[in-house]
All heavy atoms as atom14 arrays in JSON, in Angstrom:
{
  "sequence": "LAQVGLAERMNHLPNELSGGQKQRVAIARALANRPALILADEP",
  "atom14_mask": [
    [1, 1, 1, 1, 1, 1, 1, 1, 0, 0, 0, 0, 0, 0],
    [1, 1, 1, 1, 1, 0, 0, 0, 0, 0, 0, 0, 0, 0],
    [1, 1, 1, 1, 1, 1, 1, 1, 1, 0, 0, 0, 0, 0],
    [1, 1, 1, 1, 1, 1, 1, 0, 0, 0, 0, 0, 0, 0],
    [1, 1, 1, 1, 0, 0, 0, 0, 0, 0, 0, 0, 0, 0],
    [1, 1, 1, 1, 1, 1, 1, 1, 0, 0, 0, 0, 0, 0],
    [1, 1, 1, 1, 1, 0, 0, 0, 0, 0, 0, 0, 0, 0],
    [1, 1, 1, 1, 1, 1, 1, 1, 1, 0, 0, 0, 0, 0],
    [1, 1, 1, 1, 1, 1, 1, 1, 1, 1, 1, 0, 0, 0],
    [1, 1, 1, 1, 1, 1, 1, 1, 0, 0, 0, 0, 0, 0],
    [1, 1, 1, 1, 1, 1, 1, 1, 0, 0, 0, 0, 0, 0],
    [1, 1, 1, 1, 1, 1, 1, 1, 1, 1, 0, 0, 0, 0],
    [1, 1, 1, 1, 1, 1, 1, 1, 0, 0, 0, 0, 0, 0],
    [1, 1, 1, 1, 1, 1, 1, 0, 0, 0, 0, 0, 0, 0],
    [1, 1, 1, 1, 1, 1, 1, 1, 0, 0, 0, 0, 0, 0],
    [1, 1, 1, 1, 1, 1, 1, 1, 1, 0, 0, 0, 0, 0],
    [1, 1, 1, 1, 1, 1, 1, 1, 0, 0, 0, 0, 0, 0],
    [1, 1, 1, 1, 1, 1, 0, 0, 0, 0, 0, 0, 0, 0],
    [1, 1, 1, 1, 0, 0, 0, 0, 0, 0, 0, 0, 0, 0],
    [1, 1, 1, 1, 0, 0, 0, 0, 0, 0, 0, 0, 0, 0],
    [1, 1, 1, 1, 1, 1, 1, 1, 1, 0, 0, 0, 0, 0],
    [1, 1, 1, 1, 1, 1, 1, 1, 1, 0, 0, 0, 0, 0],
    [1, 1, 1, 1, 1, 1, 1, 1, 1, 0, 0, 0, 0, 0],
    [1, 1, 1, 1, 1, 1, 1, 1, 1, 1, 1, 0, 0, 0],
    [1, 1, 1, 1, 1, 1, 1, 0, 0, 0, 0, 0, 0, 0],
    [1, 1, 1, 1, 1, 0, 0, 0, 0, 0, 0, 0, 0, 0],
    [1, 1, 1, 1, 1, 1, 1, 1, 0, 0, 0, 0, 0, 0],
    [1, 1, 1, 1, 1, 0, 0, 0, 0, 0, 0, 0, 0, 0],
    [1, 1, 1, 1, 1, 1, 1, 1, 1, 1, 1, 0, 0, 0],
    [1, 1, 1, 1, 1, 0, 0, 0, 0, 0, 0, 0, 0, 0],
    [1, 1, 1, 1, 1, 1, 1, 1, 0, 0, 0, 0, 0, 0],
    [1, 1, 1, 1, 1, 0, 0, 0, 0, 0, 0, 0, 0, 0],
    [1, 1, 1, 1, 1, 1, 1, 1, 0, 0, 0, 0, 0, 0],
    [1, 1, 1, 1, 1, 1, 1, 1, 1, 1, 1, 0, 0, 0],
    [1, 1, 1, 1, 1, 1, 1, 0, 0, 0, 0, 0, 0, 0],
    [1, 1, 1, 1, 1, 0, 0, 0, 0, 0, 0, 0, 0, 0],
    [1, 1, 1, 1, 1, 1, 1, 1, 0, 0, 0, 0, 0, 0],
    [1, 1, 1, 1, 1, 1, 1, 1, 0, 0, 0, 0, 0, 0],
    [1, 1, 1, 1, 1, 1, 1, 1, 0, 0, 0, 0, 0, 0],
    [1, 1, 1, 1, 1, 0, 0, 0, 0, 0, 0, 0, 0, 0],
    [1, 1, 1, 1, 1, 1, 1, 1, 0, 0, 0, 0, 0, 0],
    [1, 1, 1, 1, 1, 1, 1, 1, 1, 0, 0, 0, 0, 0],
    [1, 1, 1, 1, 1, 1, 1, 0, 0, 0, 0, 0, 0, 0]
  ],
  "atom14_positions": [
    [[-1.01, -2.07, 10.48], [-2.31, -2.73, 10.57], [-2.35, -3.98, 9.72], [-2.97, -4.99, 10.1], [-3.42, -1.74, 10.19], [-3.7, -0.68, 11.26], [-4.56, 0.44, 10.69], [-4.37, -1.3, 12.47], [0.0, 0.0, 0.0], [0.0, 0.0, 0.0], [0.0, 0.0, 0.0], [0.0, 0.0, 0.0], [0.0, 0.0, 0.0], [0.0, 0.0, 0.0]],
    [[-1.68, -3.96, 8.58], [-1.58, -5.19, 7.78], [-0.77, -6.24, 8.52], [-1.1, -7.44, 8.51], [-0.94, -4.87, 6.43], [0.0, 0.0, 0.0], [0.0, 0.0, 0.0], [0.0, 0.0, 0.0], [0.0, 0.0, 0.0], [0.0, 0.0, 0.0], [0.0, 0.0, 0.0], [0.0, 0.0, 0.0], [0.0, 0.0, 0.0], [0.0, 0.0, 0.0]],
    [[0.28, -5.81, 9.22], [1.13, -6.74, 9.96], [0.35, -7.46, 11.06], [0.62, -8.64, 11.34], [2.3, -5.98, 10.57], [3.31, -6.85, 11.31], [4.48, -6.05, 11.86], [4.74, -4.93, 11.41], [5.18, -6.6, 12.82], [0.0, 0.0, 0.0], [0.0, 0.0, 0.0], [0.0, 0.0, 0.0], [0.0, 0.0, 0.0], [0.0, 0.0, 0.0]],
    [[-0.62, -6.78, 11.68], [-1.4, -7.41, 12.74], [-2.71, -8.0, 12.23], [-3.59, -8.37, 13.02], [-1.67, -6.43, 13.91], [-0.35, -5.95, 14.51], [-2.53, -5.25, 13.46], [0.0, 0.0, 0.0], [0.0, 0.0, 0.0], [0.0, 0.0, 0.0], [0.0, 0.0, 0.0], [0.0, 0.0, 0.0], [0.0, 0.0, 0.0], [0.0, 0.0, 0.0]],
    [[-2.86, -8.09, 10.91], [-4.01, -8.77, 10.33], [-5.27, -7.93, 10.21], [-6.37, -8.47, 10.13], [0.0, 0.0, 0.0], [0.0, 0.0, 0.0], [0.0, 0.0, 0.0], [0.0, 0.0, 0.0], [0.0, 0.0, 0.0], [0.0, 0.0, 0.0], [0.0, 0.0, 0.0], [0.0, 0.0, 0.0], [0.0, 0.0, 0.0], [0.0, 0.0, 0.0]],
    [[-5.12, -6.61, 10.14], [-6.3, -5.74, 10.07], [-6.31, -4.84, 8.84], [-6.88, -3.75, 8.86], [-6.38, -4.87, 11.34], [-6.71, -5.59, 12.64], [-6.72, -4.61, 13.8], [-8.05, -6.31, 12.56], [0.0, 0.0, 0.0], [0.0, 0.0, 0.0], [0.0, 0.0, 0.0], [0.0, 0.0, 0.0], [0.0, 0.0, 0.0], [0.0, 0.0, 0.0]],
    [[-5.72, -5.29, 7.77], [-5.66, -4.47, 6.56], [-7.05, -4.09, 6.06], [-7.24, -2.99, 5.51], [-4.91, -5.23, 5.46], [0.0, 0.0, 0.0], [0.0, 0.0, 0.0], [0.0, 0.0, 0.0], [0.0, 0.0, 0.0], [0.0, 0.0, 0.0], [0.0, 0.0, 0.0], [0.0, 0.0, 0.0], [0.0, 0.0, 0.0], [0.0, 0.0, 0.0]],
    [[-8.04, -4.96, 6.26], [-9.37, -4.69, 5.76], [-10.26, -3.95, 6.78], [-11.43, -3.68, 6.5], [-10.04, -6.0, 5.35], [-9.32, -6.7, 4.21], [-9.99, -7.99, 3.8], [-10.97, -8.39, 4.46], [-9.53, -8.6, 2.81], [0.0, 0.0, 0.0], [0.0, 0.0, 0.0], [0.0, 0.0, 0.0], [0.0, 0.0, 0.0], [0.0, 0.0, 0.0]],
    [[-9.71, -3.64, 7.96], [-10.52, -2.98, 8.99], [-9.95, -1.63, 9.39], [-10.42, -1.01, 10.35], [-10.58, -3.88, 10.25], [-11.02, -5.31, 10.0], [-12.49, -5.41, 9.72], [-13.28, -5.2, 10.92], [-14.62, -5.21, 10.93], [-15.29, -5.37, 9.79], [-15.29, -5.02, 12.06], [0.0, 0.0, 0.0], [0.0, 0.0, 0.0], [0.0, 0.0, 0.0]],
    [[-8.98, -1.13, 8.65], [-8.26, 0.07, 9.1], [-9.11, 1.32, 9.14], [-8.81, 2.26, 9.87], [-7.0, 0.28, 8.26], [-7.24, 0.56, 6.8], [-5.65, 0.82, 5.95], [-4.82, -0.75, 6.17], [0.0, 0.0, 0.0], [0.0, 0.0, 0.0], [0.0, 0.0, 0.0], [0.0, 0.0, 0.0], [0.0, 0.0, 0.0], [0.0, 0.0, 0.0]],
    [[-10.2, 1.36, 8.37], [-11.05, 2.56, 8.37], [-12.25, 2.44, 9.3], [-13.12, 3.31, 9.31], [-11.52, 2.85, 6.94], [-10.36, 3.28, 6.05], [-9.53, 4.1, 6.44], [-10.27, 2.69, 4.86], [0.0, 0.0, 0.0], [0.0, 0.0, 0.0], [0.0, 0.0, 0.0], [0.0, 0.0, 0.0], [0.0, 0.0, 0.0], [0.0, 0.0, 0.0]],
    [[-12.29, 1.37, 10.1], [-13.38, 1.18, 11.05], [-13.09, 1.91, 12.36], [-11.93, 2.02, 12.79], [-13.58, -0.31, 11.33], [-14.22, -1.05, 10.2], [-13.58, -1.27, 8.99], [-15.44, -1.63, 10.09], [-14.37, -1.94, 8.19], [-15.51, -2.17, 8.82], [0.0, 0.0, 0.0], [0.0, 0.0, 0.0], [0.0, 0.0, 0.0], [0.0, 0.0, 0.0]],
    [[-14.15, 2.37, 13.01], [-14.04, 2.97, 14.33], [-13.9, 1.87, 15.38], [-14.3, 0.72, 15.14], [-15.27, 3.83, 14.64], [-15.48, 5.05, 13.74], [-16.82, 5.71, 14.08], [-14.35, 6.06, 13.9], [0.0, 0.0, 0.0], [0.0, 0.0, 0.0], [0.0, 0.0, 0.0], [0.0, 0.0, 0.0], [0.0, 0.0, 0.0], [0.0, 0.0, 0.0]],
    [[-13.34, 2.18, 16.56], [-13.19, 1.15, 17.59], [-14.47, 0.4, 17.94], [-14.44, -0.81, 18.17], [-12.66, 1.95, 18.79], [-11.86, 3.04, 18.16], [-12.66, 3.43, 16.93], [0.0, 0.0, 0.0], [0.0, 0.0, 0.0], [0.0, 0.0, 0.0], [0.0, 0.0, 0.0], [0.0, 0.0, 0.0], [0.0, 0.0, 0.0], [0.0, 0.0, 0.0]],
    [[-15.63, 1.1, 17.96], [-16.87, 0.41, 18.32], [-17.37, -0.53, 17.22], [-18.36, -1.24, 17.41], [-17.97, 1.41, 18.72], [-18.42, 2.31, 17.57], [-18.0, 2.15, 16.43], [-19.28, 3.27, 17.88], [0.0, 0.0, 0.0], [0.0, 0.0, 0.0], [0.0, 0.0, 0.0], [0.0, 0.0, 0.0], [0.0, 0.0, 0.0], [0.0, 0.0, 0.0]],
    [[-16.68, -0.54, 16.08], [-17.01, -1.46, 15.0], [-16.05, -2.66, 14.97], [-16.1, -3.48, 14.06], [-16.94, -0.73, 13.66], [-17.94, 0.42, 13.55], [-17.73, 1.27, 12.31], [-16.56, 1.5, 11.93], [-18.73, 1.72, 11.75], [0.0, 0.0, 0.0], [0.0, 0.0, 0.0], [0.0, 0.0, 0.0], [0.0, 0.0, 0.0], [0.0, 0.0, 0.0]],
    [[-15.19, -2.74, 15.98], [-14.19, -3.81, 16.06], [-14.45, -4.69, 17.26], [-14.99, -4.25, 18.29], [-12.79, -3.21, 16.16], [-12.34, -2.26, 15.04], [-11.0, -1.65, 15.39], [-12.27, -2.99, 13.7], [0.0, 0.0, 0.0], [0.0, 0.0, 0.0], [0.0, 0.0, 0.0], [0.0, 0.0, 0.0], [0.0, 0.0, 0.0], [0.0, 0.0, 0.0]],
    [[-14.05, -5.95, 17.16], [-14.12, -6.86, 18.31], [-13.01, -6.52, 19.3], [-12.1, -5.74, 19.01], [-13.95, -8.31, 17.84], [-12.61, -8.53, 17.39], [0.0, 0.0, 0.0], [0.0, 0.0, 0.0], [0.0, 0.0, 0.0], [0.0, 0.0, 0.0], [0.0, 0.0, 0.0], [0.0, 0.0, 0.0], [0.0, 0.0, 0.0], [0.0, 0.0, 0.0]],
    [[-13.09, -7.13, 20.51], [-12.06, -6.88, 21.5], [-10.67, -7.26, 21.0], [-9.71, -6.52, 21.2], [0.0, 0.0, 0.0], [0.0, 0.0, 0.0], [0.0, 0.0, 0.0], [0.0, 0.0, 0.0], [0.0, 0.0, 0.0], [0.0, 0.0, 0.0], [0.0, 0.0, 0.0], [0.0, 0.0, 0.0], [0.0, 0.0, 0.0], [0.0, 0.0, 0.0]],
    [[-10.57, -8.4, 20.36], [-9.28, -8.82, 19.83], [-8.76, -7.89, 18.76], [-7.55, -7.6, 18.7], [0.0, 0.0, 0.0], [0.0, 0.0, 0.0], [0.0, 0.0, 0.0], [0.0, 0.0, 0.0], [0.0, 0.0, 0.0], [0.0, 0.0, 0.0], [0.0, 0.0, 0.0], [0.0, 0.0, 0.0], [0.0, 0.0, 0.0], [0.0, 0.0, 0.0]],
    [[-9.66, -7.38, 17.92], [-9.24, -6.44, 16.88], [-8.8, -5.12, 17.49], [-7.81, -4.51, 17.05], [-10.39, -6.22, 15.9], [-10.66, -7.43, 15.01], [-11.94, -7.28, 14.2], [-12.86, -6.55, 14.58], [-12.01, -7.99, 13.08], [0.0, 0.0, 0.0], [0.0, 0.0, 0.0], [0.0, 0.0, 0.0], [0.0, 0.0, 0.0], [0.0, 0.0, 0.0]],
    [[-9.49, -4.66, 18.54], [-9.07, -3.44, 19.22], [-7.67, -3.6, 19.8], [-6.84, -2.69, 19.71], [-10.05, -3.09, 20.35], [-11.42, -2.64, 19.88], [-12.34, -2.42, 21.07], [-13.75, -2.11, 20.63], [-14.68, -1.98, 21.77], [0.0, 0.0, 0.0], [0.0, 0.0, 0.0], [0.0, 0.0, 0.0], [0.0, 0.0, 0.0], [0.0, 0.0, 0.0]],
    [[-7.39, -4.77, 20.38], [-6.06, -4.96, 20.96], [-5.0, -5.03, 19.87], [-3.87, -4.58, 20.07], [-6.04, -6.22, 21.83], [-4.85, -6.31, 22.79], [-4.79, -5.15, 23.77], [-4.53, -4.01, 23.37], [-5.02, -5.45, 25.03], [0.0, 0.0, 0.0], [0.0, 0.0, 0.0], [0.0, 0.0, 0.0], [0.0, 0.0, 0.0], [0.0, 0.0, 0.0]],
    [[-5.34, -5.57, 18.72], [-4.39, -5.57, 17.6], [-4.09, -4.15, 17.13], [-2.95, -3.82, 16.8], [-4.93, -6.42, 16.44], [-4.89, -7.91, 16.71], [-5.57, -8.72, 15.61], [-5.54, -10.13, 15.93], [-4.59, -10.97, 15.53], [-3.58, -10.52, 14.78], [-4.63, -12.24, 15.86], [0.0, 0.0, 0.0], [0.0, 0.0, 0.0], [0.0, 0.0, 0.0]],
    [[-5.11, -3.3, 17.12], [-4.89, -1.89, 16.79], [-3.95, -1.26, 17.82], [-3.02, -0.53, 17.48], [-6.22, -1.11, 16.74], [-5.95, 0.39, 16.54], [-7.1, -1.63, 15.61], [0.0, 0.0, 0.0], [0.0, 0.0, 0.0], [0.0, 0.0, 0.0], [0.0, 0.0, 0.0], [0.0, 0.0, 0.0], [0.0, 0.0, 0.0], [0.0, 0.0, 0.0]],
    [[-4.19, -1.58, 19.09], [-3.34, -1.03, 20.16], [-1.9, -1.5, 20.01], [-0.95, -0.73, 20.26], [-3.89, -1.44, 21.52], [0.0, 0.0, 0.0], [0.0, 0.0, 0.0], [0.0, 0.0, 0.0], [0.0, 0.0, 0.0], [0.0, 0.0, 0.0], [0.0, 0.0, 0.0], [0.0, 0.0, 0.0], [0.0, 0.0, 0.0], [0.0, 0.0, 0.0]],
    [[-1.71, -2.75, 19.61], [-0.35, -3.26, 19.4], [0.3, -2.56, 18.21], [1.48, -2.17, 18.27], [-0.38, -4.79, 19.23], [-0.79, -5.45, 20.55], [0.98, -5.3, 18.76], [-1.1, -6.93, 20.42], [0.0, 0.0, 0.0], [0.0, 0.0, 0.0], [0.0, 0.0, 0.0], [0.0, 0.0, 0.0], [0.0, 0.0, 0.0], [0.0, 0.0, 0.0]],
    [[-0.46, -2.38, 17.14], [0.08, -1.67, 15.98], [0.49, -0.26, 16.36], [1.56, 0.24, 15.97], [-0.97, -1.64, 14.86], [0.0, 0.0, 0.0], [0.0, 0.0, 0.0], [0.0, 0.0, 0.0], [0.0, 0.0, 0.0], [0.0, 0.0, 0.0], [0.0, 0.0, 0.0], [0.0, 0.0, 0.0], [0.0, 0.0, 0.0], [0.0, 0.0, 0.0]],
    [[-0.34, 0.4, 17.17], [-0.01, 1.76, 17.63], [1.26, 1.76, 18.47], [2.12, 2.64, 18.35], [-1.18, 2.32, 18.44], [-0.96, 3.73, 18.96], [-2.12, 4.18, 19.83], [-2.32, 3.28, 20.97], [-3.4, 3.3, 21.75], [-4.37, 4.16, 21.52], [-3.5, 2.45, 22.76], [0.0, 0.0, 0.0], [0.0, 0.0, 0.0], [0.0, 0.0, 0.0]],
    [[1.4, 0.73, 19.32], [2.6, 0.64, 20.17], [3.87, 0.48, 19.35], [4.94, 0.89, 19.77], [2.45, -0.53, 21.14], [0.0, 0.0, 0.0], [0.0, 0.0, 0.0], [0.0, 0.0, 0.0], [0.0, 0.0, 0.0], [0.0, 0.0, 0.0], [0.0, 0.0, 0.0], [0.0, 0.0, 0.0], [0.0, 0.0, 0.0], [0.0, 0.0, 0.0]],
    [[3.75, -0.12, 18.19], [4.91, -0.37, 17.33], [5.23, 0.8, 16.39], [6.25, 0.76, 15.69], [4.66, -1.62, 16.47], [4.59, -2.96, 17.22], [4.05, -4.04, 16.29], [5.96, -3.35, 17.75], [0.0, 0.0, 0.0], [0.0, 0.0, 0.0], [0.0, 0.0, 0.0], [0.0, 0.0, 0.0], [0.0, 0.0, 0.0], [0.0, 0.0, 0.0]],
    [[4.39, 1.82, 16.39], [4.46, 2.85, 15.34], [5.84, 3.47, 15.2], [6.36, 3.6, 14.08], [3.42, 3.93, 15.61], [0.0, 0.0, 0.0], [0.0, 0.0, 0.0], [0.0, 0.0, 0.0], [0.0, 0.0, 0.0], [0.0, 0.0, 0.0], [0.0, 0.0, 0.0], [0.0, 0.0, 0.0], [0.0, 0.0, 0.0], [0.0, 0.0, 0.0]],
    [[6.46, 3.86, 16.29], [7.75, 4.54, 16.23], [8.94, 3.59, 16.34], [10.05, 4.02, 16.67], [7.83, 5.6, 17.33], [7.17, 6.91, 16.93], [7.33, 7.37, 15.81], [6.4, 7.49, 17.84], [0.0, 0.0, 0.0], [0.0, 0.0, 0.0], [0.0, 0.0, 0.0], [0.0, 0.0, 0.0], [0.0, 0.0, 0.0], [0.0, 0.0, 0.0]],
    [[8.69, 2.31, 16.06], [9.73, 1.28, 16.16], [10.43, 1.33, 17.52], [11.66, 1.46, 17.61], [10.75, 1.42, 15.03], [10.15, 1.23, 13.63], [11.21, 1.35, 12.55], [10.65, 1.06, 11.24], [10.1, 1.98, 10.43], [10.07, 3.24, 10.82], [9.6, 1.64, 9.26], [0.0, 0.0, 0.0], [0.0, 0.0, 0.0], [0.0, 0.0, 0.0]],
    [[9.66, 1.2, 18.6], [10.26, 1.31, 19.94], [11.17, 0.14, 20.24], [11.01, -0.96, 19.71], [9.04, 1.3, 20.86], [8.02, 0.5, 20.12], [8.23, 0.87, 18.67], [0.0, 0.0, 0.0], [0.0, 0.0, 0.0], [0.0, 0.0, 0.0], [0.0, 0.0, 0.0], [0.0, 0.0, 0.0], [0.0, 0.0, 0.0], [0.0, 0.0, 0.0]],
    [[12.11, 0.38, 21.13], [13.01, -0.69, 21.55], [12.32, -1.62, 22.55], [12.73, -2.78, 22.7], [14.26, -0.09, 22.19], [0.0, 0.0, 0.0], [0.0, 0.0, 0.0], [0.0, 0.0, 0.0], [0.0, 0.0, 0.0], [0.0, 0.0, 0.0], [0.0, 0.0, 0.0], [0.0, 0.0, 0.0], [0.0, 0.0, 0.0], [0.0, 0.0, 0.0]],
    [[11.27, -1.12, 23.22], [10.65, -1.86, 24.31], [9.13, -1.74, 24.21], [8.6, -0.64, 24.05], [11.13, -1.29, 25.65], [10.51, -1.82, 26.94], [10.85, -3.29, 27.14], [10.98, -0.99, 28.13], [0.0, 0.0, 0.0], [0.0, 0.0, 0.0], [0.0, 0.0, 0.0], [0.0, 0.0, 0.0], [0.0, 0.0, 0.0], [0.0, 0.0, 0.0]],
    [[8.43, -2.88, 24.33], [6.98, -2.91, 24.43], [6.6, -3.32, 25.85], [7.06, -4.35, 26.34], [6.35, -3.9, 23.43], [6.6, -3.47, 21.99], [4.85, -4.06, 23.7], [5.81, -2.28, 21.56], [0.0, 0.0, 0.0], [0.0, 0.0, 0.0], [0.0, 0.0, 0.0], [0.0, 0.0, 0.0], [0.0, 0.0, 0.0], [0.0, 0.0, 0.0]],
    [[5.76, -2.51, 26.51], [5.24, -2.82, 27.83], [3.74, -3.07, 27.7], [3.0, -2.19, 27.24], [5.48, -1.66, 28.8], [6.95, -1.29, 29.05], [7.03, -0.05, 29.94], [7.71, -2.45, 29.69], [0.0, 0.0, 0.0], [0.0, 0.0, 0.0], [0.0, 0.0, 0.0], [0.0, 0.0, 0.0], [0.0, 0.0, 0.0], [0.0, 0.0, 0.0]],
    [[3.29, -4.25, 28.11], [1.89, -4.63, 27.96], [1.31, -4.97, 29.34], [1.77, -5.9, 29.99], [1.75, -5.82, 27.03], [0.0, 0.0, 0.0], [0.0, 0.0, 0.0], [0.0, 0.0, 0.0], [0.0, 0.0, 0.0], [0.0, 0.0, 0.0], [0.0, 0.0, 0.0], [0.0, 0.0, 0.0], [0.0, 0.0, 0.0], [0.0, 0.0, 0.0]],
    [[0.32, -4.2, 29.77], [-0.28, -4.38, 31.09], [-1.6, -5.14, 30.95], [-2.58, -4.6, 30.45], [-0.52, -3.02, 31.74], [-0.88, -3.12, 33.21], [-0.91, -4.25, 33.74], [-1.12, -2.08, 33.84], [0.0, 0.0, 0.0], [0.0, 0.0, 0.0], [0.0, 0.0, 0.0], [0.0, 0.0, 0.0], [0.0, 0.0, 0.0], [0.0, 0.0, 0.0]],
    [[-1.62, -6.41, 31.38], [-2.79, -7.28, 31.28], [-3.41, -7.21, 29.88], [-4.61, -6.93, 29.72], [-3.83, -6.9, 32.34], [-3.36, -7.04, 33.78], [-3.31, -8.49, 34.26], [-3.58, -9.4, 33.45], [-2.99, -8.71, 35.44], [0.0, 0.0, 0.0], [0.0, 0.0, 0.0], [0.0, 0.0, 0.0], [0.0, 0.0, 0.0], [0.0, 0.0, 0.0]],
    [[-2.63, -7.47, 28.82], [-3.13, -7.27, 27.46], [-4.26, -8.2, 27.06], [-4.95, -7.94, 26.06], [-1.89, -7.5, 26.59], [-1.05, -8.44, 27.4], [-1.25, -8.0, 28.83], [0.0, 0.0, 0.0], [0.0, 0.0, 0.0], [0.0, 0.0, 0.0], [0.0, 0.0, 0.0], [0.0, 0.0, 0.0], [0.0, 0.0, 0.0], [0.0, 0.0, 0.0]]
  ]
}
C-alpha cells in the first residue's frame, strides 16, 4: 500500500476511498504474492 501511494489510507474502508484509490488497492492486492503475471481487465 505504501508502494502504490496509500500508506495513509490503509485502514480506510473501500467506500471511504476514491475510484483511483480503490484501483490502487486492487493493484496492491494483485501484487501480494509476487506474481509473475498481472492481468488487468479495463483497469
